[in-house]
Amino acid sequence: MIHAGHTASAVQTAVDLANTLRPIKGEDALETVEQLRDFLVGRPAGTDFCQLTRADLAEVRALRETVRAVLERAAADPTEAAALLNDGLRRSRATPVLRHEDDRWWTEVTSDTDRCAARLAATTLSALASVIATLGPARLGVCAGSTCRATFVDLSRNGSKQYCTRTCAHRASVAAYRSRRGSR
């Protein structure tokens, strides 16, 4: 099963990274080094102390494309999603490490490079790989909301998530209700 204390936050980081780009709205929350710095604060990738440059920004934006592609394609084409994950992990020089803390053991994937984007890639891509391996590729997806392309990972027990947030689910429910009511 997914290590709740570490992988769940890394999974959320992957989703948050992908969702810094809102293609339907034309919004991009990773256009500057300052925005990247703000995004990284408190994230589990060990990137808090990176000296960020425009090159780091470009690398993280490229990583975002990979993460977003995995989230968008995993359910429909898990083989392609696995290839994207494996390639990204290879490029980031990801290495599994066995950790021990408070009488618990777990594995964590890290990068042996100082590059901020490589450490973020190792963390996020390995978390998505863990979800696919333990829960299946159908747990990764894109919001079913007609005006939303946000991504999500469904870590719920029943695995039936279709929307990125309750807000999108509510909008869809209200639209369906109004459609049924208007067709009477």
N, C-alpha and C. Protein backbone atom coordinates (compact mmCIF):
# COMPACT_ATOMS: atom_id res chain seq x y z
N MET A 1 0.84 -1.19 0.00
CA MET A 1 0.00 0.00 0.00
C MET A 1 0.88 1.24 0.00
N ILE A 2 0.33 2.35 -0.36
CA ILE A 2 1.06 3.62 -0.41
C ILE A 2 1.40 4.05 1.01
N HIS A 3 2.62 4.49 1.23
CA HIS A 3 3.03 5.02 2.53
C HIS A 3 2.35 6.36 2.70
N ALA A 4 1.37 6.41 3.58
CA ALA A 4 0.50 7.58 3.71
C ALA A 4 1.24 8.86 4.06
N GLY A 5 2.25 8.78 4.90
CA GLY A 5 2.92 9.99 5.35
C GLY A 5 3.80 10.63 4.30
N HIS A 6 4.26 9.87 3.34
CA HIS A 6 5.21 10.41 2.39
C HIS A 6 4.66 10.44 0.97
N THR A 7 4.11 9.35 0.51
CA THR A 7 3.67 9.30 -0.87
C THR A 7 2.43 10.14 -1.12
N ALA A 8 1.50 10.18 -0.18
CA ALA A 8 0.28 10.97 -0.40
C ALA A 8 0.63 12.44 -0.62
N SER A 9 1.57 12.97 0.14
CA SER A 9 1.95 14.37 -0.07
C SER A 9 2.71 14.53 -1.39
N ALA A 10 3.49 13.53 -1.77
CA ALA A 10 4.19 13.59 -3.05
C ALA A 10 3.20 13.48 -4.21
N VAL A 11 2.17 12.65 -4.04
CA VAL A 11 1.11 12.55 -5.06
C VAL A 11 0.42 13.90 -5.20
N GLN A 12 0.11 14.53 -4.08
CA GLN A 12 -0.55 15.84 -4.13
C GLN A 12 0.36 16.87 -4.79
N THR A 13 1.65 16.78 -4.54
CA THR A 13 2.59 17.69 -5.20
C THR A 13 2.55 17.49 -6.71
N ALA A 14 2.49 16.24 -7.16
CA ALA A 14 2.41 15.95 -8.59
C ALA A 14 1.15 16.56 -9.19
N VAL A 15 0.02 16.37 -8.53
CA VAL A 15 -1.25 16.92 -9.01
C VAL A 15 -1.19 18.44 -9.01
N ASP A 16 -0.69 19.02 -7.94
CA ASP A 16 -0.58 20.48 -7.87
C ASP A 16 0.32 21.03 -8.97
N LEU A 17 1.42 20.32 -9.24
CA LEU A 17 2.32 20.74 -10.31
C LEU A 17 1.60 20.72 -11.65
N ALA A 18 0.93 19.63 -11.95
CA ALA A 18 0.20 19.54 -13.22
C ALA A 18 -0.85 20.64 -13.33
N ASN A 19 -1.48 20.94 -12.20
CA ASN A 19 -2.57 21.92 -12.22
C ASN A 19 -2.10 23.37 -12.13
N THR A 20 -0.79 23.60 -12.16
CA THR A 20 -0.32 24.98 -12.29
C THR A 20 -0.58 25.48 -13.70
N LEU A 21 -0.92 24.57 -14.60
CA LEU A 21 -1.32 24.93 -15.95
C LEU A 21 -2.80 24.63 -16.09
N ARG A 22 -3.57 25.63 -16.42
CA ARG A 22 -5.02 25.49 -16.65
C ARG A 22 -5.28 25.78 -18.12
N PRO A 23 -5.23 24.74 -18.96
CA PRO A 23 -5.31 24.98 -20.41
C PRO A 23 -6.62 25.63 -20.88
N ILE A 24 -7.74 25.28 -20.30
CA ILE A 24 -9.01 25.86 -20.75
C ILE A 24 -9.08 27.34 -20.40
N LYS A 25 -8.61 27.68 -19.21
CA LYS A 25 -8.63 29.08 -18.77
C LYS A 25 -7.46 29.87 -19.32
N GLY A 26 -6.44 29.19 -19.85
CA GLY A 26 -5.26 29.87 -20.36
C GLY A 26 -4.39 30.45 -19.26
N GLU A 27 -4.43 29.82 -18.08
CA GLU A 27 -3.66 30.31 -16.94
C GLU A 27 -2.43 29.43 -16.71
N ASP A 28 -1.33 30.08 -16.37
CA ASP A 28 -0.09 29.37 -16.06
C ASP A 28 0.49 29.99 -14.79
N ALA A 29 0.54 29.19 -13.72
CA ALA A 29 1.03 29.69 -12.44
C ALA A 29 2.53 29.41 -12.25
N LEU A 30 3.21 29.03 -13.32
CA LEU A 30 4.66 28.83 -13.26
C LEU A 30 5.35 29.59 -14.39
N GLU A 31 5.19 30.88 -14.38
CA GLU A 31 5.81 31.70 -15.41
C GLU A 31 7.09 32.38 -14.96
N THR A 32 7.28 32.48 -13.64
CA THR A 32 8.46 33.18 -13.13
C THR A 32 9.17 32.32 -12.08
N VAL A 33 10.42 32.66 -11.82
CA VAL A 33 11.20 31.97 -10.79
C VAL A 33 10.53 32.18 -9.42
N GLU A 34 9.97 33.34 -9.18
CA GLU A 34 9.30 33.62 -7.92
C GLU A 34 8.08 32.71 -7.75
N GLN A 35 7.31 32.50 -8.82
CA GLN A 35 6.17 31.59 -8.74
C GLN A 35 6.63 30.16 -8.46
N LEU A 36 7.74 29.76 -9.06
CA LEU A 36 8.30 28.43 -8.79
C LEU A 36 8.71 28.32 -7.33
N ARG A 37 9.38 29.32 -6.81
CA ARG A 37 9.80 29.33 -5.41
C ARG A 37 8.58 29.19 -4.50
N ASP A 38 7.54 29.96 -4.78
CA ASP A 38 6.32 29.88 -3.97
C ASP A 38 5.70 28.48 -4.04
N PHE A 39 5.70 27.89 -5.22
CA PHE A 39 5.15 26.55 -5.40
C PHE A 39 5.92 25.52 -4.56
N LEU A 40 7.22 25.65 -4.50
CA LEU A 40 8.07 24.65 -3.85
C LEU A 40 8.09 24.74 -2.33
N VAL A 41 7.69 25.85 -1.77
CA VAL A 41 7.76 26.02 -0.31
C VAL A 41 6.95 24.92 0.38
N GLY A 42 7.64 24.18 1.25
CA GLY A 42 6.98 23.16 2.05
C GLY A 42 6.68 21.86 1.33
N ARG A 43 7.13 21.71 0.11
CA ARG A 43 6.88 20.48 -0.65
C ARG A 43 7.82 19.37 -0.19
N PRO A 44 7.41 18.11 -0.36
CA PRO A 44 8.21 16.99 0.14
C PRO A 44 9.44 16.64 -0.70
N ALA A 45 9.70 17.36 -1.74
CA ALA A 45 10.81 17.00 -2.64
C ALA A 45 12.17 17.45 -2.14
N GLY A 46 12.22 18.07 -0.98
CA GLY A 46 13.50 18.54 -0.46
C GLY A 46 14.06 19.67 -1.29
N THR A 47 13.18 20.52 -1.78
CA THR A 47 13.59 21.59 -2.69
C THR A 47 13.54 22.96 -2.04
N ASP A 48 13.27 23.01 -0.75
CA ASP A 48 13.12 24.31 -0.07
C ASP A 48 14.36 25.18 -0.14
N PHE A 49 15.53 24.56 -0.22
CA PHE A 49 16.76 25.34 -0.13
C PHE A 49 17.48 25.46 -1.47
N CYS A 50 16.76 25.22 -2.54
CA CYS A 50 17.36 25.34 -3.87
C CYS A 50 17.60 26.81 -4.20
N GLN A 51 18.71 27.09 -4.85
CA GLN A 51 18.93 28.39 -5.46
C GLN A 51 18.31 28.30 -6.84
N LEU A 52 17.16 28.91 -7.02
CA LEU A 52 16.41 28.75 -8.26
C LEU A 52 16.87 29.72 -9.33
N THR A 53 16.91 29.22 -10.56
CA THR A 53 17.29 30.02 -11.72
C THR A 53 16.24 29.85 -12.80
N ARG A 54 16.40 30.59 -13.88
CA ARG A 54 15.51 30.43 -15.04
C ARG A 54 15.64 29.03 -15.63
N ALA A 55 16.83 28.44 -15.54
CA ALA A 55 17.02 27.07 -16.03
C ALA A 55 16.20 26.09 -15.20
N ASP A 56 16.14 26.29 -13.88
CA ASP A 56 15.31 25.44 -13.02
C ASP A 56 13.85 25.58 -13.41
N LEU A 57 13.43 26.81 -13.67
CA LEU A 57 12.05 27.05 -14.07
C LEU A 57 11.74 26.28 -15.36
N ALA A 58 12.63 26.35 -16.33
CA ALA A 58 12.41 25.64 -17.60
C ALA A 58 12.34 24.13 -17.38
N GLU A 59 13.21 23.60 -16.51
CA GLU A 59 13.21 22.16 -16.23
C GLU A 59 11.93 21.74 -15.51
N VAL A 60 11.47 22.54 -14.56
CA VAL A 60 10.25 22.19 -13.83
C VAL A 60 9.04 22.30 -14.76
N ARG A 61 9.04 23.26 -15.65
CA ARG A 61 7.94 23.36 -16.62
C ARG A 61 7.92 22.14 -17.55
N ALA A 62 9.09 21.65 -17.93
CA ALA A 62 9.16 20.43 -18.75
C ALA A 62 8.68 19.23 -17.94
N LEU A 63 9.06 19.17 -16.67
CA LEU A 63 8.58 18.11 -15.78
C LEU A 63 7.06 18.17 -15.67
N ARG A 64 6.53 19.37 -15.57
CA ARG A 64 5.07 19.53 -15.48
C ARG A 64 4.39 18.91 -16.69
N GLU A 65 4.96 19.09 -17.88
CA GLU A 65 4.38 18.48 -19.07
C GLU A 65 4.35 16.96 -18.96
N THR A 66 5.42 16.39 -18.43
CA THR A 66 5.48 14.93 -18.26
C THR A 66 4.46 14.47 -17.23
N VAL A 67 4.41 15.13 -16.09
CA VAL A 67 3.47 14.76 -15.03
C VAL A 67 2.04 14.88 -15.53
N ARG A 68 1.76 15.97 -16.22
CA ARG A 68 0.40 16.17 -16.75
C ARG A 68 0.05 15.09 -17.78
N ALA A 69 1.00 14.76 -18.64
CA ALA A 69 0.76 13.72 -19.65
C ALA A 69 0.48 12.37 -18.98
N VAL A 70 1.20 12.05 -17.93
CA VAL A 70 0.96 10.80 -17.20
C VAL A 70 -0.44 10.81 -16.61
N LEU A 71 -0.82 11.89 -15.95
CA LEU A 71 -2.14 11.98 -15.33
C LEU A 71 -3.25 11.92 -16.37
N GLU A 72 -3.04 12.53 -17.51
CA GLU A 72 -4.07 12.55 -18.56
C GLU A 72 -4.20 11.20 -19.27
N ARG A 73 -3.12 10.45 -19.40
CA ARG A 73 -3.13 9.26 -20.24
C ARG A 73 -3.14 7.93 -19.51
N ALA A 74 -2.88 7.93 -18.22
CA ALA A 74 -2.70 6.67 -17.48
C ALA A 74 -3.88 5.72 -17.62
N ALA A 75 -5.09 6.21 -17.48
CA ALA A 75 -6.25 5.33 -17.53
C ALA A 75 -6.47 4.78 -18.94
N ALA A 76 -6.25 5.59 -19.96
CA ALA A 76 -6.50 5.16 -21.34
C ALA A 76 -5.34 4.37 -21.93
N ASP A 77 -4.11 4.72 -21.57
CA ASP A 77 -2.93 4.06 -22.13
C ASP A 77 -1.86 3.90 -21.06
N PRO A 78 -2.05 2.92 -20.16
CA PRO A 78 -1.10 2.75 -19.06
C PRO A 78 0.33 2.44 -19.52
N THR A 79 0.48 1.79 -20.66
CA THR A 79 1.81 1.47 -21.16
C THR A 79 2.56 2.75 -21.52
N GLU A 80 1.89 3.69 -22.17
CA GLU A 80 2.51 4.97 -22.51
C GLU A 80 2.83 5.76 -21.23
N ALA A 81 1.91 5.74 -20.27
CA ALA A 81 2.14 6.44 -19.00
C ALA A 81 3.36 5.85 -18.29
N ALA A 82 3.49 4.53 -18.31
CA ALA A 82 4.65 3.88 -17.68
C ALA A 82 5.94 4.29 -18.39
N ALA A 83 5.90 4.36 -19.70
CA ALA A 83 7.09 4.77 -20.46
C ALA A 83 7.48 6.20 -20.11
N LEU A 84 6.50 7.09 -20.00
CA LEU A 84 6.78 8.48 -19.61
C LEU A 84 7.38 8.54 -18.20
N LEU A 85 6.80 7.77 -17.27
CA LEU A 85 7.32 7.75 -15.91
C LEU A 85 8.75 7.23 -15.87
N ASN A 86 8.97 6.10 -16.54
CA ASN A 86 10.30 5.50 -16.52
C ASN A 86 11.35 6.42 -17.14
N ASP A 87 10.99 7.05 -18.24
CA ASP A 87 11.92 7.98 -18.88
C ASP A 87 12.23 9.17 -17.97
N GLY A 88 11.21 9.71 -17.35
CA GLY A 88 11.41 10.83 -16.43
C GLY A 88 12.25 10.46 -15.22
N LEU A 89 12.02 9.27 -14.67
CA LEU A 89 12.82 8.81 -13.54
C LEU A 89 14.27 8.59 -13.93
N ARG A 90 14.48 8.04 -15.12
CA ARG A 90 15.84 7.83 -15.63
C ARG A 90 16.57 9.17 -15.79
N ARG A 91 15.89 10.13 -16.41
CA ARG A 91 16.50 11.45 -16.64
C ARG A 91 16.83 12.17 -15.33
N SER A 92 16.02 11.94 -14.30
CA SER A 92 16.26 12.61 -13.02
C SER A 92 17.28 11.86 -12.16
N ARG A 93 17.76 10.75 -12.67
CA ARG A 93 18.73 9.91 -11.96
C ARG A 93 18.17 9.48 -10.60
N ALA A 94 16.91 9.03 -10.64
CA ALA A 94 16.20 8.61 -9.43
C ALA A 94 16.77 7.31 -8.88
N THR A 95 16.87 7.25 -7.57
CA THR A 95 17.40 6.08 -6.88
C THR A 95 16.53 5.79 -5.66
N PRO A 96 16.07 4.54 -5.50
CA PRO A 96 15.32 4.22 -4.27
C PRO A 96 16.26 4.13 -3.07
N VAL A 97 15.78 4.62 -1.94
CA VAL A 97 16.56 4.62 -0.70
C VAL A 97 15.65 4.07 0.40
N LEU A 98 16.20 3.18 1.22
CA LEU A 98 15.46 2.64 2.35
C LEU A 98 15.64 3.57 3.54
N ARG A 99 14.53 3.98 4.16
CA ARG A 99 14.56 4.91 5.29
C ARG A 99 13.96 4.25 6.53
N HIS A 100 14.37 4.74 7.70
CA HIS A 100 13.84 4.25 8.97
C HIS A 100 13.63 5.43 9.90
N GLU A 101 12.43 5.49 10.50
CA GLU A 101 12.11 6.56 11.44
C GLU A 101 10.98 6.08 12.33
N ASP A 102 11.09 6.30 13.62
CA ASP A 102 10.04 5.93 14.58
C ASP A 102 9.57 4.49 14.40
N ASP A 103 10.49 3.57 14.33
CA ASP A 103 10.21 2.14 14.19
C ASP A 103 9.47 1.77 12.92
N ARG A 104 9.54 2.60 11.90
CA ARG A 104 8.90 2.31 10.61
C ARG A 104 9.95 2.37 9.51
N TRP A 105 9.79 1.49 8.54
CA TRP A 105 10.67 1.45 7.38
C TRP A 105 9.85 1.80 6.15
N TRP A 106 10.45 2.50 5.23
CA TRP A 106 9.81 2.77 3.95
C TRP A 106 10.87 3.08 2.92
N THR A 107 10.46 3.01 1.67
CA THR A 107 11.38 3.39 0.60
C THR A 107 10.99 4.77 0.10
N GLU A 108 11.99 5.48 -0.30
CA GLU A 108 11.80 6.82 -0.84
C GLU A 108 12.69 6.91 -2.08
N VAL A 109 12.19 7.53 -3.11
CA VAL A 109 12.99 7.69 -4.32
C VAL A 109 13.56 9.10 -4.31
N THR A 110 14.87 9.18 -4.45
CA THR A 110 15.55 10.47 -4.44
C THR A 110 16.41 10.59 -5.70
N SER A 111 16.95 11.76 -5.90
CA SER A 111 17.85 11.99 -7.01
C SER A 111 19.22 12.30 -6.45
N ASP A 112 20.24 11.80 -7.13
CA ASP A 112 21.61 12.03 -6.64
C ASP A 112 22.22 13.32 -7.18
N THR A 113 21.41 14.18 -7.73
CA THR A 113 21.89 15.43 -8.29
C THR A 113 21.38 16.60 -7.46
N ASP A 114 22.03 17.72 -7.57
CA ASP A 114 21.60 18.92 -6.85
C ASP A 114 20.53 19.70 -7.60
N ARG A 115 20.23 19.27 -8.81
CA ARG A 115 19.24 20.00 -9.60
C ARG A 115 17.85 19.90 -8.95
N CYS A 116 17.27 21.03 -8.73
CA CYS A 116 15.97 21.12 -8.07
C CYS A 116 14.91 20.33 -8.84
N ALA A 117 14.87 20.47 -10.14
CA ALA A 117 13.87 19.78 -10.96
C ALA A 117 14.04 18.27 -10.90
N ALA A 118 15.28 17.80 -10.81
CA ALA A 118 15.54 16.36 -10.74
C ALA A 118 15.00 15.78 -9.44
N ARG A 119 15.18 16.49 -8.35
CA ARG A 119 14.65 16.01 -7.06
C ARG A 119 13.13 16.03 -7.07
N LEU A 120 12.55 17.09 -7.65
CA LEU A 120 11.10 17.16 -7.76
C LEU A 120 10.57 16.04 -8.66
N ALA A 121 11.28 15.75 -9.74
CA ALA A 121 10.87 14.68 -10.66
C ALA A 121 10.93 13.33 -9.96
N ALA A 122 12.00 13.07 -9.23
CA ALA A 122 12.13 11.79 -8.52
C ALA A 122 10.97 11.59 -7.55
N THR A 123 10.62 12.65 -6.84
CA THR A 123 9.55 12.57 -5.85
C THR A 123 8.18 12.39 -6.50
N THR A 124 7.85 13.23 -7.45
CA THR A 124 6.51 13.20 -8.03
C THR A 124 6.29 11.99 -8.94
N LEU A 125 7.26 11.70 -9.78
CA LEU A 125 7.08 10.58 -10.71
C LEU A 125 7.06 9.25 -9.98
N SER A 126 7.89 9.10 -8.94
CA SER A 126 7.86 7.84 -8.20
C SER A 126 6.55 7.70 -7.43
N ALA A 127 5.98 8.80 -6.97
CA ALA A 127 4.69 8.75 -6.28
C ALA A 127 3.59 8.30 -7.23
N LEU A 128 3.59 8.84 -8.45
CA LEU A 128 2.58 8.42 -9.43
C LEU A 128 2.79 6.96 -9.81
N ALA A 129 4.04 6.53 -9.93
CA ALA A 129 4.33 5.13 -10.23
C ALA A 129 3.82 4.23 -9.11
N SER A 130 3.96 4.67 -7.88
CA SER A 130 3.48 3.91 -6.73
C SER A 130 1.96 3.76 -6.77
N VAL A 131 1.26 4.82 -7.13
CA VAL A 131 -0.21 4.75 -7.23
C VAL A 131 -0.60 3.74 -8.32
N ILE A 132 0.04 3.82 -9.47
CA ILE A 132 -0.28 2.89 -10.56
C ILE A 132 0.00 1.46 -10.12
N ALA A 133 1.13 1.23 -9.45
CA ALA A 133 1.50 -0.12 -9.04
C ALA A 133 0.58 -0.68 -7.96
N THR A 134 0.10 0.16 -7.05
CA THR A 134 -0.70 -0.34 -5.94
C THR A 134 -2.20 -0.25 -6.16
N LEU A 135 -2.67 0.79 -6.84
CA LEU A 135 -4.11 0.99 -7.01
C LEU A 135 -4.57 0.85 -8.45
N GLY A 136 -3.65 0.95 -9.40
CA GLY A 136 -4.00 0.83 -10.81
C GLY A 136 -4.00 2.17 -11.52
N PRO A 137 -3.80 2.15 -12.84
CA PRO A 137 -3.70 3.38 -13.62
C PRO A 137 -5.01 4.16 -13.72
N ALA A 138 -6.14 3.51 -13.50
CA ALA A 138 -7.42 4.22 -13.58
C ALA A 138 -7.61 5.23 -12.46
N ARG A 139 -6.74 5.20 -11.46
CA ARG A 139 -6.83 6.16 -10.34
C ARG A 139 -6.27 7.53 -10.70
N LEU A 140 -5.62 7.65 -11.85
CA LEU A 140 -5.11 8.92 -12.32
C LEU A 140 -6.06 9.43 -13.38
N GLY A 141 -6.39 10.72 -13.33
CA GLY A 141 -7.34 11.20 -14.32
C GLY A 141 -7.43 12.69 -14.47
N VAL A 142 -8.37 13.07 -15.32
CA VAL A 142 -8.67 14.47 -15.62
C VAL A 142 -10.13 14.71 -15.25
N CYS A 143 -10.40 15.84 -14.67
CA CYS A 143 -11.74 16.21 -14.23
C CYS A 143 -12.76 16.05 -15.36
N ALA A 144 -13.90 15.48 -15.02
CA ALA A 144 -14.97 15.27 -15.99
C ALA A 144 -15.80 16.54 -16.21
N GLY A 145 -15.50 17.60 -15.48
CA GLY A 145 -16.22 18.86 -15.65
C GLY A 145 -16.01 19.41 -17.05
N SER A 146 -17.08 19.87 -17.65
CA SER A 146 -17.02 20.31 -19.05
C SER A 146 -16.13 21.54 -19.27
N THR A 147 -15.93 22.34 -18.25
CA THR A 147 -15.09 23.53 -18.39
C THR A 147 -13.82 23.44 -17.55
N CYS A 148 -13.40 22.23 -17.25
CA CYS A 148 -12.23 22.03 -16.39
C CYS A 148 -11.34 20.92 -16.97
N ARG A 149 -10.05 21.13 -16.94
CA ARG A 149 -9.09 20.10 -17.36
C ARG A 149 -8.08 19.84 -16.24
N ALA A 150 -8.49 20.13 -15.01
CA ALA A 150 -7.60 19.87 -13.87
C ALA A 150 -7.41 18.36 -13.72
N THR A 151 -6.27 17.98 -13.20
CA THR A 151 -5.98 16.57 -13.01
C THR A 151 -6.22 16.18 -11.56
N PHE A 152 -6.29 14.88 -11.30
CA PHE A 152 -6.45 14.39 -9.95
C PHE A 152 -5.88 12.97 -9.84
N VAL A 153 -5.66 12.55 -8.62
CA VAL A 153 -5.34 11.16 -8.30
C VAL A 153 -6.35 10.73 -7.26
N ASP A 154 -7.00 9.63 -7.52
CA ASP A 154 -8.05 9.12 -6.64
C ASP A 154 -7.46 8.12 -5.66
N LEU A 155 -7.28 8.54 -4.42
CA LEU A 155 -6.76 7.66 -3.38
C LEU A 155 -7.88 7.14 -2.48
N SER A 156 -9.12 7.34 -2.91
CA SER A 156 -10.25 6.90 -2.10
C SER A 156 -10.37 5.38 -2.08
N ARG A 157 -11.17 4.90 -1.17
CA ARG A 157 -11.36 3.47 -1.02
C ARG A 157 -12.05 2.85 -2.24
N ASN A 158 -13.08 3.51 -2.75
CA ASN A 158 -13.85 2.91 -3.85
C ASN A 158 -13.35 3.29 -5.24
N GLY A 159 -12.48 4.26 -5.35
CA GLY A 159 -11.88 4.60 -6.64
C GLY A 159 -12.85 5.10 -7.69
N SER A 160 -13.84 5.89 -7.28
CA SER A 160 -14.86 6.33 -8.23
C SER A 160 -14.80 7.83 -8.55
N LYS A 161 -13.72 8.47 -8.21
CA LYS A 161 -13.60 9.92 -8.40
C LYS A 161 -13.64 10.27 -9.89
N GLN A 162 -14.43 11.30 -10.24
CA GLN A 162 -14.52 11.77 -11.62
C GLN A 162 -14.18 13.26 -11.75
N TYR A 163 -14.20 13.96 -10.64
CA TYR A 163 -14.01 15.41 -10.65
C TYR A 163 -12.82 15.78 -9.78
N CYS A 164 -12.18 16.89 -10.12
CA CYS A 164 -10.99 17.32 -9.37
C CYS A 164 -11.34 17.82 -7.98
N THR A 165 -12.50 18.44 -7.84
CA THR A 165 -12.93 18.98 -6.55
C THR A 165 -14.43 18.79 -6.39
N ARG A 166 -14.89 19.01 -5.19
CA ARG A 166 -16.34 18.96 -4.94
C ARG A 166 -17.05 20.08 -5.70
N THR A 167 -16.36 21.19 -5.89
CA THR A 167 -16.95 22.31 -6.62
C THR A 167 -17.29 21.89 -8.04
N CYS A 168 -16.37 21.22 -8.72
CA CYS A 168 -16.64 20.76 -10.09
C CYS A 168 -17.75 19.71 -10.10
N ALA A 169 -17.76 18.82 -9.13
CA ALA A 169 -18.82 17.81 -9.05
C ALA A 169 -20.18 18.48 -8.84
N HIS A 170 -20.21 19.49 -8.00
CA HIS A 170 -21.46 20.21 -7.74
C HIS A 170 -21.93 20.94 -9.00
N ARG A 171 -21.01 21.60 -9.69
CA ARG A 171 -21.39 22.29 -10.94
C ARG A 171 -22.02 21.31 -11.93
N ALA A 172 -21.41 20.14 -12.08
CA ALA A 172 -21.93 19.14 -13.01
C ALA A 172 -23.30 18.64 -12.56
N SER A 173 -23.47 18.46 -11.27
CA SER A 173 -24.75 18.02 -10.73
C SER A 173 -25.85 19.05 -10.98
N VAL A 174 -25.52 20.31 -10.74
CA VAL A 174 -26.50 21.39 -10.97
C VAL A 174 -26.83 21.49 -12.46
N ALA A 175 -25.82 21.40 -13.32
CA ALA A 175 -26.06 21.46 -14.77
C ALA A 175 -26.95 20.30 -15.22
N ALA A 176 -26.69 19.10 -14.70
CA ALA A 176 -27.53 17.94 -15.06
C ALA A 176 -28.96 18.13 -14.57
N TYR A 177 -29.13 18.65 -13.38
CA TYR A 177 -30.46 18.91 -12.83
C TYR A 177 -31.21 19.92 -13.69
N ARG A 178 -30.53 21.00 -14.02
CA ARG A 178 -31.18 22.03 -14.85
C ARG A 178 -31.52 21.51 -16.24
N SER A 179 -30.67 20.66 -16.77
CA SER A 179 -30.94 20.05 -18.07
C SER A 179 -32.17 19.14 -18.01
N ARG A 180 -32.27 18.34 -16.97
CA ARG A 180 -33.43 17.44 -16.81
C ARG A 180 -34.69 18.27 -16.60
N ARG A 181 -34.58 19.30 -15.80
CA ARG A 181 -35.75 20.13 -15.47
C ARG A 181 -36.22 20.92 -16.70
N GLY A 182 -35.27 21.35 -17.53
CA GLY A 182 -35.62 22.12 -18.72
C GLY A 182 -36.21 21.28 -19.83
N SER A 183 -36.01 19.97 -19.80
CA SER A 183 -36.50 19.12 -20.89
C SER A 183 -37.89 18.58 -20.61
N ARG A 184 -38.54 19.03 -19.56
CA ARG A 184 -39.90 18.56 -19.23
C ARG A 184 -40.94 19.23 -20.05
